[in-house]
Amino acid sequence: HGLKIALEAGFERIILETDSVKLYTHVKKEKVENTAFGKIVQDIKTLASMCLNFEVLHVKRGANRATHHLAS
């Protein structure tokens, strides 16, 4: 939902930081699996295609600044 909210707010350049290797790997892949998780990945890819610039980064759990900021 965060990506959708960012797009609705007018952001066109988005960096998605995730500590999930699985999510990072699947978003970077061309092919999307026909699973519930694949549906989430497809949603991310669809929204990412609406961005002027979209980047997905894998970060270590302790380095995920956005998550730590929101949690505090």
N, C-alpha and C. Protein backbone atom coordinates (compact mmCIF):
# COMPACT_ATOMS: atom_id res chain seq x y z
N HIS A 1 0.81 -1.20 0.00
CA HIS A 1 0.00 0.00 0.00
C HIS A 1 0.85 1.26 0.00
N GLY A 2 2.05 1.17 0.56
CA GLY A 2 2.92 2.34 0.63
C GLY A 2 3.30 2.89 -0.73
N LEU A 3 3.57 1.98 -1.67
CA LEU A 3 3.92 2.41 -3.02
C LEU A 3 2.75 3.12 -3.69
N LYS A 4 1.56 2.60 -3.49
CA LYS A 4 0.36 3.23 -4.06
C LYS A 4 0.14 4.62 -3.46
N ILE A 5 0.31 4.73 -2.16
CA ILE A 5 0.14 6.02 -1.48
C ILE A 5 1.16 7.02 -1.99
N ALA A 6 2.40 6.58 -2.16
CA ALA A 6 3.46 7.46 -2.66
C ALA A 6 3.12 7.98 -4.05
N LEU A 7 2.63 7.10 -4.92
CA LEU A 7 2.25 7.52 -6.27
C LEU A 7 1.07 8.49 -6.23
N GLU A 8 0.08 8.22 -5.40
CA GLU A 8 -1.08 9.10 -5.28
C GLU A 8 -0.69 10.47 -4.74
N ALA A 9 0.39 10.50 -3.95
CA ALA A 9 0.87 11.76 -3.38
C ALA A 9 1.73 12.53 -4.38
N GLY A 10 1.98 11.94 -5.53
CA GLY A 10 2.72 12.65 -6.57
C GLY A 10 4.19 12.30 -6.68
N PHE A 11 4.66 11.35 -5.88
CA PHE A 11 6.06 10.95 -5.98
C PHE A 11 6.25 10.13 -7.25
N GLU A 12 7.29 10.45 -8.02
CA GLU A 12 7.56 9.75 -9.27
C GLU A 12 8.87 8.97 -9.24
N ARG A 13 9.73 9.29 -8.28
CA ARG A 13 11.01 8.60 -8.13
C ARG A 13 10.98 7.90 -6.77
N ILE A 14 10.96 6.58 -6.81
CA ILE A 14 10.76 5.82 -5.58
C ILE A 14 11.84 4.76 -5.42
N ILE A 15 12.35 4.65 -4.20
CA ILE A 15 13.28 3.59 -3.84
C ILE A 15 12.58 2.73 -2.80
N LEU A 16 12.43 1.45 -3.12
CA LEU A 16 11.82 0.49 -2.20
C LEU A 16 12.95 -0.25 -1.50
N GLU A 17 13.07 -0.08 -0.18
CA GLU A 17 14.05 -0.81 0.61
C GLU A 17 13.35 -1.97 1.28
N THR A 18 13.93 -3.16 1.16
CA THR A 18 13.37 -4.33 1.81
C THR A 18 14.48 -5.16 2.43
N ASP A 19 14.19 -5.75 3.58
CA ASP A 19 15.14 -6.68 4.17
C ASP A 19 14.79 -8.13 3.81
N SER A 20 13.81 -8.29 2.95
CA SER A 20 13.40 -9.62 2.49
C SER A 20 14.13 -9.97 1.20
N VAL A 21 15.02 -10.95 1.28
CA VAL A 21 15.73 -11.41 0.09
C VAL A 21 14.74 -11.97 -0.92
N LYS A 22 13.73 -12.67 -0.44
CA LYS A 22 12.73 -13.25 -1.33
C LYS A 22 12.00 -12.16 -2.13
N LEU A 23 11.54 -11.13 -1.46
CA LEU A 23 10.84 -10.05 -2.15
C LEU A 23 11.77 -9.36 -3.14
N TYR A 24 12.97 -9.03 -2.70
CA TYR A 24 13.94 -8.36 -3.57
C TYR A 24 14.18 -9.18 -4.84
N THR A 25 14.44 -10.47 -4.67
CA THR A 25 14.73 -11.35 -5.80
C THR A 25 13.56 -11.43 -6.76
N HIS A 26 12.36 -11.57 -6.23
CA HIS A 26 11.18 -11.73 -7.09
C HIS A 26 10.80 -10.43 -7.82
N VAL A 27 11.01 -9.29 -7.19
CA VAL A 27 10.71 -8.03 -7.86
C VAL A 27 11.71 -7.81 -9.01
N LYS A 28 12.95 -8.25 -8.84
CA LYS A 28 13.97 -8.08 -9.87
C LYS A 28 13.79 -9.05 -11.05
N LYS A 29 13.11 -10.19 -10.82
CA LYS A 29 12.91 -11.19 -11.87
C LYS A 29 11.95 -10.69 -12.94
N GLU A 30 12.10 -11.26 -14.14
CA GLU A 30 11.16 -10.95 -15.23
C GLU A 30 9.82 -11.65 -15.00
N LYS A 31 9.90 -12.95 -14.68
CA LYS A 31 8.70 -13.78 -14.57
C LYS A 31 8.13 -13.72 -13.15
N VAL A 32 6.81 -13.66 -13.06
CA VAL A 32 6.13 -13.63 -11.76
C VAL A 32 5.41 -14.96 -11.57
N GLU A 33 5.57 -15.54 -10.38
CA GLU A 33 4.94 -16.82 -10.06
C GLU A 33 3.43 -16.66 -9.90
N ASN A 34 2.70 -17.71 -10.22
CA ASN A 34 1.25 -17.71 -10.08
C ASN A 34 0.88 -18.20 -8.68
N THR A 35 1.20 -17.37 -7.69
CA THR A 35 0.92 -17.67 -6.28
C THR A 35 0.40 -16.40 -5.62
N ALA A 36 -0.02 -16.53 -4.37
CA ALA A 36 -0.47 -15.34 -3.62
C ALA A 36 0.68 -14.34 -3.50
N PHE A 37 1.88 -14.84 -3.23
CA PHE A 37 3.05 -13.97 -3.15
C PHE A 37 3.34 -13.34 -4.51
N GLY A 38 3.18 -14.12 -5.57
CA GLY A 38 3.38 -13.61 -6.93
C GLY A 38 2.42 -12.48 -7.26
N LYS A 39 1.21 -12.55 -6.73
CA LYS A 39 0.22 -11.48 -6.95
C LYS A 39 0.71 -10.17 -6.32
N ILE A 40 1.29 -10.28 -5.13
CA ILE A 40 1.84 -9.09 -4.46
C ILE A 40 2.99 -8.52 -5.29
N VAL A 41 3.86 -9.41 -5.76
CA VAL A 41 4.99 -8.98 -6.58
C VAL A 41 4.48 -8.30 -7.86
N GLN A 42 3.46 -8.88 -8.48
CA GLN A 42 2.90 -8.28 -9.70
C GLN A 42 2.32 -6.90 -9.42
N ASP A 43 1.65 -6.75 -8.28
CA ASP A 43 1.12 -5.44 -7.90
C ASP A 43 2.25 -4.41 -7.77
N ILE A 44 3.35 -4.83 -7.14
CA ILE A 44 4.50 -3.93 -6.98
C ILE A 44 5.05 -3.55 -8.35
N LYS A 45 5.21 -4.54 -9.22
CA LYS A 45 5.74 -4.28 -10.56
C LYS A 45 4.82 -3.36 -11.37
N THR A 46 3.53 -3.56 -11.24
CA THR A 46 2.58 -2.70 -11.95
C THR A 46 2.68 -1.26 -11.47
N LEU A 47 2.71 -1.08 -10.17
CA LEU A 47 2.84 0.27 -9.61
C LEU A 47 4.20 0.87 -9.96
N ALA A 48 5.25 0.05 -9.92
CA ALA A 48 6.59 0.53 -10.24
C ALA A 48 6.67 1.03 -11.68
N SER A 49 5.90 0.40 -12.56
CA SER A 49 5.91 0.82 -13.97
C SER A 49 5.31 2.21 -14.16
N MET A 50 4.58 2.69 -13.17
CA MET A 50 3.98 4.02 -13.23
C MET A 50 4.94 5.11 -12.73
N CYS A 51 6.07 4.69 -12.20
CA CYS A 51 7.06 5.62 -11.67
C CYS A 51 7.99 6.10 -12.78
N LEU A 52 8.45 7.32 -12.64
CA LEU A 52 9.46 7.84 -13.54
C LEU A 52 10.76 7.07 -13.31
N ASN A 53 11.05 6.79 -12.05
CA ASN A 53 12.23 6.02 -11.68
C ASN A 53 11.87 5.17 -10.46
N PHE A 54 12.12 3.86 -10.55
CA PHE A 54 11.83 2.94 -9.44
C PHE A 54 13.05 2.06 -9.24
N GLU A 55 13.44 1.91 -7.98
CA GLU A 55 14.58 1.07 -7.64
C GLU A 55 14.22 0.26 -6.41
N VAL A 56 14.60 -1.00 -6.41
CA VAL A 56 14.41 -1.85 -5.24
C VAL A 56 15.79 -2.21 -4.70
N LEU A 57 15.96 -2.04 -3.40
CA LEU A 57 17.24 -2.31 -2.75
C LEU A 57 17.05 -3.32 -1.64
N HIS A 58 18.00 -4.24 -1.53
CA HIS A 58 18.00 -5.15 -0.38
C HIS A 58 18.92 -4.55 0.67
N VAL A 59 18.39 -4.41 1.88
CA VAL A 59 19.17 -3.88 2.99
C VAL A 59 19.08 -4.86 4.15
N LYS A 60 20.11 -4.85 4.97
CA LYS A 60 20.07 -5.68 6.17
C LYS A 60 19.00 -5.15 7.10
N ARG A 61 18.43 -6.03 7.90
CA ARG A 61 17.32 -5.65 8.77
C ARG A 61 17.64 -4.41 9.60
N GLY A 62 18.81 -4.33 10.16
CA GLY A 62 19.20 -3.18 10.98
C GLY A 62 19.40 -1.90 10.18
N ALA A 63 19.57 -2.03 8.87
CA ALA A 63 19.81 -0.86 8.02
C ALA A 63 18.54 -0.33 7.38
N ASN A 64 17.41 -0.96 7.63
CA ASN A 64 16.16 -0.53 7.02
C ASN A 64 15.64 0.69 7.78
N ARG A 65 16.15 1.85 7.39
CA ARG A 65 15.87 3.10 8.11
C ARG A 65 14.41 3.47 8.12
N ALA A 66 13.73 3.26 7.00
CA ALA A 66 12.32 3.66 6.93
C ALA A 66 11.50 2.86 7.93
N THR A 67 11.72 1.56 8.02
CA THR A 67 10.98 0.72 8.95
C THR A 67 11.24 1.14 10.39
N HIS A 68 12.51 1.38 10.72
CA HIS A 68 12.83 1.77 12.09
C HIS A 68 12.23 3.13 12.44
N HIS A 69 12.22 4.03 11.48
CA HIS A 69 11.63 5.35 11.73
C HIS A 69 10.11 5.24 11.98
N LEU A 70 9.46 4.44 11.17
CA LEU A 70 8.00 4.28 11.33
C LEU A 70 7.63 3.54 12.61
N ALA A 71 8.50 2.64 13.05
CA ALA A 71 8.22 1.84 14.24
C ALA A 71 8.42 2.64 15.54
N SER A 72 9.17 3.72 15.46
CA SER A 72 9.46 4.47 16.70
C SER A 72 8.52 5.62 16.90
